[in-house]
PDB file of all heavy atoms in Angstrom:
ATOM      1  N   LEU A   1     156.726 178.025 131.839  1.00  0.00           N
ATOM      2  CA  LEU A   1     156.686 177.391 133.155  1.00  0.00           C
ATOM      3  C   LEU A   1     157.985 176.637 133.413  1.00  0.00           C
ATOM      4  O   LEU A   1     158.563 176.031 132.511  1.00  0.00           O
ATOM      5  CB  LEU A   1     155.509 176.418 133.239  1.00  0.00           C
ATOM      6  CG  LEU A   1     154.105 177.019 133.127  1.00  0.00           C
ATOM      7  CD1 LEU A   1     153.070 175.896 133.101  1.00  0.00           C
ATOM      8  CD2 LEU A   1     153.824 177.967 134.274  1.00  0.00           C
ATOM      9  N   ASN A   2     158.428 176.674 134.666  1.00  0.00           N
ATOM     10  CA  ASN A   2     159.578 175.891 135.098  1.00  0.00           C
ATOM     11  C   ASN A   2     159.043 174.631 135.761  1.00  0.00           C
ATOM     12  O   ASN A   2     158.894 174.555 136.985  1.00  0.00           O
ATOM     13  CB  ASN A   2     160.439 176.714 136.070  1.00  0.00           C
ATOM     14  CG  ASN A   2     161.651 175.941 136.553  1.00  0.00           C
ATOM     15  OD1 ASN A   2     162.145 175.052 135.856  1.00  0.00           O
ATOM     16  ND2 ASN A   2     162.113 176.261 137.762  1.00  0.00           N
ATOM     17  N   LEU A   3     158.736 173.622 134.948  1.00  0.00           N
ATOM     18  CA  LEU A   3     158.060 172.427 135.440  1.00  0.00           C
ATOM     19  C   LEU A   3     159.026 171.472 136.127  1.00  0.00           C
ATOM     20  O   LEU A   3     160.071 171.125 135.573  1.00  0.00           O
ATOM     21  CB  LEU A   3     157.352 171.708 134.285  1.00  0.00           C
ATOM     22  CG  LEU A   3     156.235 172.487 133.575  1.00  0.00           C
ATOM     23  CD1 LEU A   3     155.701 171.682 132.400  1.00  0.00           C
ATOM     24  CD2 LEU A   3     155.115 172.833 134.542  1.00  0.00           C
ATOM     25  N   VAL A   4     158.652 171.063 137.347  1.00  0.00           N
ATOM     26  CA  VAL A   4     159.414 170.058 138.097  1.00  0.00           C
ATOM     27  C   VAL A   4     158.411 169.133 138.776  1.00  0.00           C
ATOM     28  O   VAL A   4     157.232 169.449 138.900  1.00  0.00           O
ATOM     29  CB  VAL A   4     160.333 170.712 139.162  1.00  0.00           C
ATOM     30  CG1 VAL A   4     161.371 171.601 138.511  1.00  0.00           C
ATOM     31  CG2 VAL A   4     159.518 171.480 140.186  1.00  0.00           C
ATOM     32  N   SER A   5     158.887 167.980 139.229  1.00  0.00           N
ATOM     33  CA  SER A   5     158.032 167.069 139.995  1.00  0.00           C
ATOM     34  C   SER A   5     157.825 167.660 141.377  1.00  0.00           C
ATOM     35  O   SER A   5     158.789 167.903 142.116  1.00  0.00           O
ATOM     36  CB  SER A   5     158.683 165.681 140.084  1.00  0.00           C
ATOM     37  OG  SER A   5     158.742 165.085 138.819  1.00  0.00           O
ATOM     38  N   LEU A   6     156.577 167.891 141.747  1.00  0.00           N
ATOM     39  CA  LEU A   6     156.255 168.622 142.966  1.00  0.00           C
ATOM     40  C   LEU A   6     155.383 167.761 143.887  1.00  0.00           C
ATOM     41  O   LEU A   6     154.226 167.469 143.559  1.00  0.00           O
ATOM     42  CB  LEU A   6     155.523 169.911 142.602  1.00  0.00           C
ATOM     43  CG  LEU A   6     155.173 170.863 143.732  1.00  0.00           C
ATOM     44  CD1 LEU A   6     156.435 171.406 144.396  1.00  0.00           C
ATOM     45  CD2 LEU A   6     154.327 172.021 143.212  1.00  0.00           C
ATOM     46  N   PRO A   7     155.907 167.351 145.080  1.00  0.00           N
ATOM     47  CA  PRO A   7     155.085 166.627 146.057  1.00  0.00           C
ATOM     48  C   PRO A   7     154.061 167.593 146.675  1.00  0.00           C
ATOM     49  O   PRO A   7     154.434 168.547 147.355  1.00  0.00           O
ATOM     50  CB  PRO A   7     156.096 166.148 147.101  1.00  0.00           C
ATOM     51  CG  PRO A   7     157.447 166.342 146.483  1.00  0.00           C
ATOM     52  CD  PRO A   7     157.307 167.473 145.520  1.00  0.00           C
ATOM     53  N   ILE A   8     152.807 167.351 146.438  1.00  0.00           N
ATOM     54  CA  ILE A   8     151.763 168.289 146.846  1.00  0.00           C
ATOM     55  C   ILE A   8     151.694 168.463 148.355  1.00  0.00           C
ATOM     56  O   ILE A   8     151.602 169.584 148.865  1.00  0.00           O
ATOM     57  CB  ILE A   8     150.396 167.821 146.296  1.00  0.00           C
ATOM     58  CG1 ILE A   8     150.381 167.936 144.774  1.00  0.00           C
ATOM     59  CG2 ILE A   8     149.256 168.659 146.881  1.00  0.00           C
ATOM     60  CD1 ILE A   8     150.467 169.345 144.259  1.00  0.00           C
ATOM     61  N   TYR A   9     151.733 167.373 149.106  1.00  0.00           N
ATOM     62  CA  TYR A   9     151.548 167.475 150.556  1.00  0.00           C
ATOM     63  C   TYR A   9     152.650 168.318 151.192  1.00  0.00           C
ATOM     64  O   TYR A   9     152.383 169.160 152.058  1.00  0.00           O
ATOM     65  CB  TYR A   9     151.518 166.076 151.195  1.00  0.00           C
ATOM     66  CG  TYR A   9     151.059 166.095 152.635  1.00  0.00           C
ATOM     67  CD1 TYR A   9     149.711 166.171 152.955  1.00  0.00           C
ATOM     68  CD2 TYR A   9     151.981 166.051 153.680  1.00  0.00           C
ATOM     69  CE1 TYR A   9     149.281 166.202 154.269  1.00  0.00           C
ATOM     70  CE2 TYR A   9     151.569 166.077 155.002  1.00  0.00           C
ATOM     71  CZ  TYR A   9     150.210 166.151 155.290  1.00  0.00           C
ATOM     72  OH  TYR A   9     149.799 166.193 156.600  1.00  0.00           O
ATOM     73  N   SER A  10     153.894 168.118 150.757  1.00  0.00           N
ATOM     74  CA  SER A  10     155.012 168.906 151.300  1.00  0.00           C
ATOM     75  C   SER A  10     154.826 170.383 150.978  1.00  0.00           C
ATOM     76  O   SER A  10     155.095 171.257 151.824  1.00  0.00           O
ATOM     77  CB  SER A  10     156.339 168.409 150.721  1.00  0.00           C
ATOM     78  OG  SER A  10     156.567 167.073 151.075  1.00  0.00           O
ATOM     79  N   MET A  11     154.356 170.671 149.763  1.00  0.00           N
ATOM     80  CA  MET A  11     154.139 172.061 149.394  1.00  0.00           C
ATOM     81  C   MET A  11     153.046 172.688 150.261  1.00  0.00           C
ATOM     82  O   MET A  11     153.177 173.835 150.718  1.00  0.00           O
ATOM     83  CB  MET A  11     153.745 172.150 147.916  1.00  0.00           C
ATOM     84  CG  MET A  11     153.603 173.581 147.409  1.00  0.00           C
ATOM     85  SD  MET A  11     152.691 173.700 145.846  1.00  0.00           S
ATOM     86  CE  MET A  11     151.048 173.250 146.386  1.00  0.00           C
ATOM     87  N   LEU A  12     151.971 171.939 150.510  1.00  0.00           N
ATOM     88  CA  LEU A  12     150.881 172.459 151.341  1.00  0.00           C
ATOM     89  C   LEU A  12     151.359 172.745 152.763  1.00  0.00           C
ATOM     90  O   LEU A  12     150.939 173.737 153.390  1.00  0.00           O
ATOM     91  CB  LEU A  12     149.709 171.474 151.360  1.00  0.00           C
ATOM     92  CG  LEU A  12     148.992 171.248 150.023  1.00  0.00           C
ATOM     93  CD1 LEU A  12     147.846 170.252 150.193  1.00  0.00           C
ATOM     94  CD2 LEU A  12     148.471 172.551 149.447  1.00  0.00           C
ATOM     95  N   GLU A  13     152.241 171.908 153.288  1.00  0.00           N
ATOM     96  CA  GLU A  13     152.792 172.148 154.634  1.00  0.00           C
ATOM     97  C   GLU A  13     153.610 173.442 154.659  1.00  0.00           C
ATOM     98  O   GLU A  13     153.534 174.221 155.617  1.00  0.00           O
ATOM     99  CB  GLU A  13     153.667 170.965 155.062  1.00  0.00           C
ATOM    100  CG  GLU A  13     152.887 169.717 155.428  1.00  0.00           C
ATOM    101  CD  GLU A  13     153.786 168.597 155.919  1.00  0.00           C
ATOM    102  OE1 GLU A  13     154.882 168.418 155.335  1.00  0.00           O
ATOM    103  OE2 GLU A  13     153.401 167.893 156.868  1.00  0.00           O
ATOM    104  N   GLN A  14     154.392 173.673 153.614  1.00  0.00           N
ATOM    105  CA  GLN A  14     155.192 174.895 153.552  1.00  0.00           C
ATOM    106  C   GLN A  14     154.298 176.131 153.424  1.00  0.00           C
ATOM    107  O   GLN A  14     154.561 177.158 154.050  1.00  0.00           O
ATOM    108  CB  GLN A  14     156.162 174.811 152.365  1.00  0.00           C
ATOM    109  CG  GLN A  14     157.241 173.750 152.513  1.00  0.00           C
ATOM    110  CD  GLN A  14     158.103 173.630 151.264  1.00  0.00           C
ATOM    111  OE1 GLN A  14     158.145 174.535 150.437  1.00  0.00           O
ATOM    112  NE2 GLN A  14     158.788 172.503 151.126  1.00  0.00           N
ATOM    113  N   VAL A  15     153.234 176.014 152.632  1.00  0.00           N
ATOM    114  CA  VAL A  15     152.295 177.131 152.489  1.00  0.00           C
ATOM    115  C   VAL A  15     151.641 177.442 153.829  1.00  0.00           C
ATOM    116  O   VAL A  15     151.535 178.608 154.239  1.00  0.00           O
ATOM    117  CB  VAL A  15     151.218 176.802 151.424  1.00  0.00           C
ATOM    118  CG1 VAL A  15     150.099 177.842 151.453  1.00  0.00           C
ATOM    119  CG2 VAL A  15     151.840 176.744 150.038  1.00  0.00           C
ATOM    120  N   GLU A  16     151.224 176.407 154.554  1.00  0.00           N
ATOM    121  CA  GLU A  16     150.593 176.604 155.862  1.00  0.00           C
ATOM    122  C   GLU A  16     151.555 177.281 156.830  1.00  0.00           C
ATOM    123  O   GLU A  16     151.167 178.208 157.562  1.00  0.00           O
ATOM    124  CB  GLU A  16     150.148 175.268 156.438  1.00  0.00           C
ATOM    125  CG  GLU A  16     149.494 175.400 157.805  1.00  0.00           C
ATOM    126  CD  GLU A  16     149.463 174.088 158.579  1.00  0.00           C
ATOM    127  OE1 GLU A  16     150.120 173.126 158.141  1.00  0.00           O
ATOM    128  OE2 GLU A  16     148.801 174.039 159.621  1.00  0.00           O
ATOM    129  N   ALA A  17     152.796 176.846 156.811  1.00  0.00           N
ATOM    130  CA  ALA A  17     153.788 177.424 157.731  1.00  0.00           C
ATOM    131  C   ALA A  17     153.960 178.920 157.482  1.00  0.00           C
ATOM    132  O   ALA A  17     154.168 179.697 158.425  1.00  0.00           O
ATOM    133  CB  ALA A  17     155.119 176.694 157.571  1.00  0.00           C
ATOM    134  N   GLY A  18     153.869 179.341 156.226  1.00  0.00           N
ATOM    135  CA  GLY A  18     154.036 180.750 155.903  1.00  0.00           C
ATOM    136  C   GLY A  18     152.915 181.631 156.429  1.00  0.00           C
ATOM    137  O   GLY A  18     153.093 182.846 156.582  1.00  0.00           O
ATOM    138  N   PHE A  19     151.753 181.049 156.695  1.00  0.00           N
ATOM    139  CA  PHE A  19     150.597 181.823 157.172  1.00  0.00           C
ATOM    140  C   PHE A  19     150.252 181.518 158.630  1.00  0.00           C
ATOM    141  O   PHE A  19     149.231 181.977 159.130  1.00  0.00           O
ATOM    142  CB  PHE A  19     149.366 181.525 156.298  1.00  0.00           C
ATOM    143  CG  PHE A  19     149.434 182.127 154.924  1.00  0.00           C
ATOM    144  CD1 PHE A  19     149.918 181.396 153.852  1.00  0.00           C
ATOM    145  CD2 PHE A  19     149.016 183.427 154.717  1.00  0.00           C
ATOM    146  CE1 PHE A  19     149.976 181.946 152.592  1.00  0.00           C
ATOM    147  CE2 PHE A  19     149.060 183.995 153.449  1.00  0.00           C
ATOM    148  CZ  PHE A  19     149.552 183.256 152.383  1.00  0.00           C
ATOM    149  N   GLU A  20     151.100 180.772 159.290  1.00  0.00           N
ATOM    150  CA  GLU A  20     150.767 180.296 160.640  1.00  0.00           C
ATOM    151  C   GLU A  20     150.532 181.436 161.624  1.00  0.00           C
ATOM    152  O   GLU A  20     149.535 181.451 162.358  1.00  0.00           O
ATOM    153  CB  GLU A  20     151.894 179.387 161.148  1.00  0.00           C
ATOM    154  CG  GLU A  20     151.530 178.622 162.400  1.00  0.00           C
ATOM    155  CD  GLU A  20     152.580 177.588 162.771  1.00  0.00           C
ATOM    156  OE1 GLU A  20     153.541 177.398 162.001  1.00  0.00           O
ATOM    157  OE2 GLU A  20     152.414 176.981 163.836  1.00  0.00           O
ATOM    158  N   LEU A  21     151.434 182.419 161.659  1.00  0.00           N
ATOM    159  CA  LEU A  21     151.309 183.523 162.614  1.00  0.00           C
ATOM    160  C   LEU A  21     150.076 184.374 162.326  1.00  0.00           C
ATOM    161  O   LEU A  21     149.312 184.727 163.236  1.00  0.00           O
ATOM    162  CB  LEU A  21     152.571 184.395 162.583  1.00  0.00           C
ATOM    163  CG  LEU A  21     153.856 183.747 163.109  1.00  0.00           C
ATOM    164  CD1 LEU A  21     155.033 184.694 162.945  1.00  0.00           C
ATOM    165  CD2 LEU A  21     153.691 183.368 164.584  1.00  0.00           C
ATOM    166  N   GLU A  22     149.867 184.712 161.049  1.00  0.00           N
ATOM    167  CA  GLU A  22     148.710 185.531 160.692  1.00  0.00           C
ATOM    168  C   GLU A  22     147.405 184.801 160.982  1.00  0.00           C
ATOM    169  O   GLU A  22     146.432 185.406 161.462  1.00  0.00           O
ATOM    170  CB  GLU A  22     148.778 185.921 159.208  1.00  0.00           C
ATOM    171  CG  GLU A  22     147.735 186.948 158.807  1.00  0.00           C
ATOM    172  CD  GLU A  22     147.900 187.417 157.367  1.00  0.00           C
ATOM    173  OE1 GLU A  22     148.884 187.006 156.708  1.00  0.00           O
ATOM    174  OE2 GLU A  22     147.041 188.186 156.910  1.00  0.00           O
ATOM    175  N   ALA A  23     147.379 183.482 160.725  1.00  0.00           N
ATOM    176  CA  ALA A  23     146.175 182.698 161.000  1.00  0.00           C
ATOM    177  C   ALA A  23     145.888 182.642 162.496  1.00  0.00           C
ATOM    178  O   ALA A  23     144.734 182.708 162.926  1.00  0.00           O
ATOM    179  CB  ALA A  23     146.350 181.287 160.441  1.00  0.00           C
ATOM    180  N   GLU A  24     146.944 182.555 163.284  1.00  0.00           N
ATOM    181  CA  GLU A  24     146.771 182.513 164.739  1.00  0.00           C
ATOM    182  C   GLU A  24     146.182 183.819 165.262  1.00  0.00           C
ATOM    183  O   GLU A  24     145.305 183.822 166.134  1.00  0.00           O
ATOM    184  CB  GLU A  24     148.129 182.239 165.410  1.00  0.00           C
ATOM    185  CG  GLU A  24     148.019 181.976 166.905  1.00  0.00           C
ATOM    186  CD  GLU A  24     149.361 181.604 167.509  1.00  0.00           C
ATOM    187  OE1 GLU A  24     150.290 181.220 166.754  1.00  0.00           O
ATOM    188  OE2 GLU A  24     149.493 181.704 168.747  1.00  0.00           O
ATOM    189  N   LYS A  25     146.628 184.945 164.713  1.00  0.00           N
ATOM    190  CA  LYS A  25     146.087 186.248 165.122  1.00  0.00           C
ATOM    191  C   LYS A  25     144.605 186.361 164.786  1.00  0.00           C
ATOM    192  O   LYS A  25     143.825 186.981 165.520  1.00  0.00           O
ATOM    193  CB  LYS A  25     146.849 187.374 164.415  1.00  0.00           C
ATOM    194  CG  LYS A  25     148.270 187.566 164.903  1.00  0.00           C
ATOM    195  CD  LYS A  25     148.937 188.693 164.134  1.00  0.00           C
ATOM    196  CE  LYS A  25     150.391 188.866 164.558  1.00  0.00           C
ATOM    197  NZ  LYS A  25     151.060 189.937 163.770  1.00  0.00           N
ATOM    198  N   LYS A  26     144.203 185.766 163.650  1.00  0.00           N
ATOM    199  CA  LYS A  26     142.814 185.865 163.207  1.00  0.00           C
ATOM    200  C   LYS A  26     141.938 184.747 163.761  1.00  0.00           C
ATOM    201  O   LYS A  26     140.733 184.690 163.492  1.00  0.00           O
ATOM    202  CB  LYS A  26     142.748 185.849 161.675  1.00  0.00           C
ATOM    203  CG  LYS A  26     143.388 187.065 161.014  1.00  0.00           C
ATOM    204  CD  LYS A  26     143.300 186.974 159.503  1.00  0.00           C
ATOM    205  CE  LYS A  26     143.885 188.213 158.837  1.00  0.00           C
ATOM    206  NZ  LYS A  26     143.043 189.415 159.046  1.00  0.00           N
ATOM    207  N   GLY A  27     142.544 183.826 164.525  1.00  0.00           N
ATOM    208  CA  GLY A  27     141.777 182.719 165.080  1.00  0.00           C
ATOM    209  C   GLY A  27     141.360 181.700 164.046  1.00  0.00           C
ATOM    210  O   GLY A  27     140.290 181.092 164.156  1.00  0.00           O
ATOM    211  N   ILE A  28     142.200 181.510 163.043  1.00  0.00           N
ATOM    212  CA  ILE A  28     141.908 180.571 161.950  1.00  0.00           C
ATOM    213  C   ILE A  28     142.853 179.378 162.042  1.00  0.00           C
ATOM    214  O   ILE A  28     144.059 179.542 162.267  1.00  0.00           O
ATOM    215  CB  ILE A  28     142.047 181.248 160.577  1.00  0.00           C
ATOM    216  CG1 ILE A  28     141.003 182.367 160.433  1.00  0.00           C
ATOM    217  CG2 ILE A  28     141.873 180.240 159.444  1.00  0.00           C
ATOM    218  CD1 ILE A  28     141.139 183.171 159.151  1.00  0.00           C
ATOM    219  N   THR A  29     142.320 178.176 161.872  1.00  0.00           N
ATOM    220  CA  THR A  29     143.144 176.966 161.849  1.00  0.00           C
ATOM    221  C   THR A  29     143.162 176.380 160.441  1.00  0.00           C
ATOM    222  O   THR A  29     142.213 176.563 159.665  1.00  0.00           O
ATOM    223  CB  THR A  29     142.599 175.904 162.813  1.00  0.00           C
ATOM    224  OG1 THR A  29     141.250 175.583 162.458  1.00  0.00           O
ATOM    225  CG2 THR A  29     142.642 176.421 164.256  1.00  0.00           C
ATOM    226  N   PHE A  30     144.246 175.676 160.116  1.00  0.00           N
ATOM    227  CA  PHE A  30     144.393 175.033 158.808  1.00  0.00           C
ATOM    228  C   PHE A  30     144.127 173.542 158.923  1.00  0.00           C
ATOM    229  O   PHE A  30     144.429 172.916 159.941  1.00  0.00           O
ATOM    230  CB  PHE A  30     145.809 175.255 158.254  1.00  0.00           C
ATOM    231  CG  PHE A  30     146.003 176.591 157.590  1.00  0.00           C
ATOM    232  CD1 PHE A  30     146.507 177.663 158.306  1.00  0.00           C
ATOM    233  CD2 PHE A  30     145.675 176.779 156.264  1.00  0.00           C
ATOM    234  CE1 PHE A  30     146.688 178.891 157.711  1.00  0.00           C
ATOM    235  CE2 PHE A  30     145.857 178.006 155.657  1.00  0.00           C
ATOM    236  CZ  PHE A  30     146.364 179.060 156.383  1.00  0.00           C
ATOM    237  N   GLU A  31     143.583 172.993 157.833  1.00  0.00           N
ATOM    238  CA  GLU A  31     143.426 171.544 157.705  1.00  0.00           C
ATOM    239  C   GLU A  31     143.987 171.131 156.353  1.00  0.00           C
ATOM    240  O   GLU A  31     143.569 171.661 155.316  1.00  0.00           O
ATOM    241  CB  GLU A  31     141.949 171.146 157.814  1.00  0.00           C
ATOM    242  CG  GLU A  31     141.712 169.652 157.689  1.00  0.00           C
ATOM    243  CD  GLU A  31     140.238 169.291 157.755  1.00  0.00           C
ATOM    244  OE1 GLU A  31     139.527 169.861 158.596  1.00  0.00           O
ATOM    245  OE2 GLU A  31     139.796 168.439 156.949  1.00  0.00           O
ATOM    246  N   ILE A  32     144.952 170.212 156.366  1.00  0.00           N
ATOM    247  CA  ILE A  32     145.623 169.791 155.136  1.00  0.00           C
ATOM    248  C   ILE A  32     145.304 168.328 154.860  1.00  0.00           C
ATOM    249  O   ILE A  32     145.321 167.492 155.772  1.00  0.00           O
ATOM    250  CB  ILE A  32     147.153 169.975 155.245  1.00  0.00           C
ATOM    251  CG1 ILE A  32     147.490 171.449 155.486  1.00  0.00           C
ATOM    252  CG2 ILE A  32     147.836 169.488 153.982  1.00  0.00           C
ATOM    253  CD1 ILE A  32     148.964 171.684 155.688  1.00  0.00           C
ATOM    254  N   ALA A  33     145.041 168.004 153.601  1.00  0.00           N
ATOM    255  CA  ALA A  33     144.785 166.620 153.204  1.00  0.00           C
ATOM    256  C   ALA A  33     145.246 166.401 151.777  1.00  0.00           C
ATOM    257  O   ALA A  33     145.073 167.278 150.920  1.00  0.00           O
ATOM    258  CB  ALA A  33     143.303 166.284 153.344  1.00  0.00           C
ATOM    259  N   SER A  34     145.856 165.240 151.536  1.00  0.00           N
ATOM    260  CA  SER A  34     146.276 164.865 150.183  1.00  0.00           C
ATOM    261  C   SER A  34     145.955 163.386 149.986  1.00  0.00           C
ATOM    262  O   SER A  34     146.359 162.543 150.794  1.00  0.00           O
ATOM    263  CB  SER A  34     147.776 165.105 149.992  1.00  0.00           C
ATOM    264  OG  SER A  34     148.194 164.655 148.718  1.00  0.00           O
ATOM    265  N   ARG A  35     145.230 163.091 148.928  1.00  0.00           N
ATOM    266  CA  ARG A  35     144.826 161.710 148.664  1.00  0.00           C
ATOM    267  C   ARG A  35     145.238 161.342 147.237  1.00  0.00           C
ATOM    268  O   ARG A  35     144.653 161.882 146.291  1.00  0.00           O
ATOM    269  CB  ARG A  35     143.299 161.573 148.823  1.00  0.00           C
ATOM    270  CG  ARG A  35     142.793 162.075 150.174  1.00  0.00           C
ATOM    271  CD  ARG A  35     141.263 161.932 150.250  1.00  0.00           C
ATOM    272  NE  ARG A  35     140.746 162.561 151.452  1.00  0.00           N
ATOM    273  CZ  ARG A  35     140.301 163.821 151.523  1.00  0.00           C
ATOM    274  NH1 ARG A  35     140.337 164.588 150.437  1.00  0.00           N
ATOM    275  NH2 ARG A  35     139.834 164.311 152.651  1.00  0.00           N
ATOM    276  N   PRO A  36     146.279 160.470 147.078  1.00  0.00           N
ATOM    277  CA  PRO A  36     147.097 159.847 148.123  1.00  0.00           C
ATOM    278  C   PRO A  36     148.080 160.853 148.715  1.00  0.00           C
ATOM    279  O   PRO A  36     148.309 161.920 148.144  1.00  0.00           O
ATOM    280  CB  PRO A  36     147.813 158.736 147.365  1.00  0.00           C
ATOM    281  CG  PRO A  36     147.908 159.248 145.966  1.00  0.00           C
ATOM    282  CD  PRO A  36     146.666 160.045 145.730  1.00  0.00           C
ATOM    283  N   LYS A  37     148.671 160.481 149.832  1.00  0.00           N
ATOM    284  CA  LYS A  37     149.545 161.420 150.531  1.00  0.00           C
ATOM    285  C   LYS A  37     150.820 161.705 149.749  1.00  0.00           C
ATOM    286  O   LYS A  37     151.417 162.778 149.851  1.00  0.00           O
ATOM    287  CB  LYS A  37     149.896 160.884 151.922  1.00  0.00           C
ATOM    288  CG  LYS A  37     150.486 161.943 152.846  1.00  0.00           C
ATOM    289  CD  LYS A  37     150.520 161.479 154.275  1.00  0.00           C
ATOM    290  CE  LYS A  37     151.031 162.596 155.195  1.00  0.00           C
ATOM    291  NZ  LYS A  37     151.036 162.204 156.614  1.00  0.00           N
ATOM    292  N   ASP A  38     151.255 160.737 148.933  1.00  0.00           N
ATOM    293  CA  ASP A  38     152.481 160.920 148.139  1.00  0.00           C
ATOM    294  C   ASP A  38     152.174 161.469 146.740  1.00  0.00           C
ATOM    295  O   ASP A  38     152.979 161.305 145.817  1.00  0.00           O
ATOM    296  CB  ASP A  38     153.248 159.603 148.027  1.00  0.00           C
ATOM    297  CG  ASP A  38     152.440 158.521 147.332  1.00  0.00           C
ATOM    298  OD1 ASP A  38     151.217 158.713 147.116  1.00  0.00           O
ATOM    299  OD2 ASP A  38     153.021 157.468 146.992  1.00  0.00           O
ATOM    300  N   LEU A  39     151.030 162.112 146.582  1.00  0.00           N
ATOM    301  CA  LEU A  39     150.614 162.669 145.286  1.00  0.00           C
ATOM    302  C   LEU A  39     151.658 163.660 144.769  1.00  0.00           C
ATOM    303  O   LEU A  39     152.055 164.589 145.476  1.00  0.00           O
ATOM    304  CB  LEU A  39     149.258 163.360 145.424  1.00  0.00           C
ATOM    305  CG  LEU A  39     148.701 164.066 144.180  1.00  0.00           C
ATOM    306  CD1 LEU A  39     148.528 163.097 143.029  1.00  0.00           C
ATOM    307  CD2 LEU A  39     147.376 164.747 144.513  1.00  0.00           C
ATOM    308  N   THR A  40     152.103 163.441 143.532  1.00  0.00           N
ATOM    309  CA  THR A  40     153.121 164.295 142.901  1.00  0.00           C
ATOM    310  C   THR A  40     152.633 164.713 141.513  1.00  0.00           C
ATOM    311  O   THR A  40     152.104 163.893 140.769  1.00  0.00           O
ATOM    312  CB  THR A  40     154.460 163.548 142.774  1.00  0.00           C
ATOM    313  OG1 THR A  40     154.897 163.157 144.078  1.00  0.00           O
ATOM    314  CG2 THR A  40     155.521 164.441 142.143  1.00  0.00           C
ATOM    315  N   ILE A  41     152.815 165.992 141.203  1.00  0.00           N
ATOM    316  CA  ILE A  41     152.443 166.483 139.875  1.00  0.00           C
ATOM    317  C   ILE A  41     153.614 167.277 139.311  1.00  0.00           C
ATOM    318  O   ILE A  41     154.533 167.662 140.033  1.00  0.00           O
ATOM    319  CB  ILE A  41     151.188 167.371 139.905  1.00  0.00           C
ATOM    320  CG1 ILE A  41     151.476 168.686 140.646  1.00  0.00           C
ATOM    321  CG2 ILE A  41     150.017 166.647 140.533  1.00  0.00           C
ATOM    322  CD1 ILE A  41     150.363 169.716 140.511  1.00  0.00           C
TER     323      ILE A  41
END
């Protein structure tokens, strides 16, 4: 594994952006939540 400190919320936003067009075609919306918001692993 190439382990680095990864801010989860930012990663989830990038993942959502990658599926935005396909989700719109299928009528699907995304909901993102991170508790705490600055959660890093």
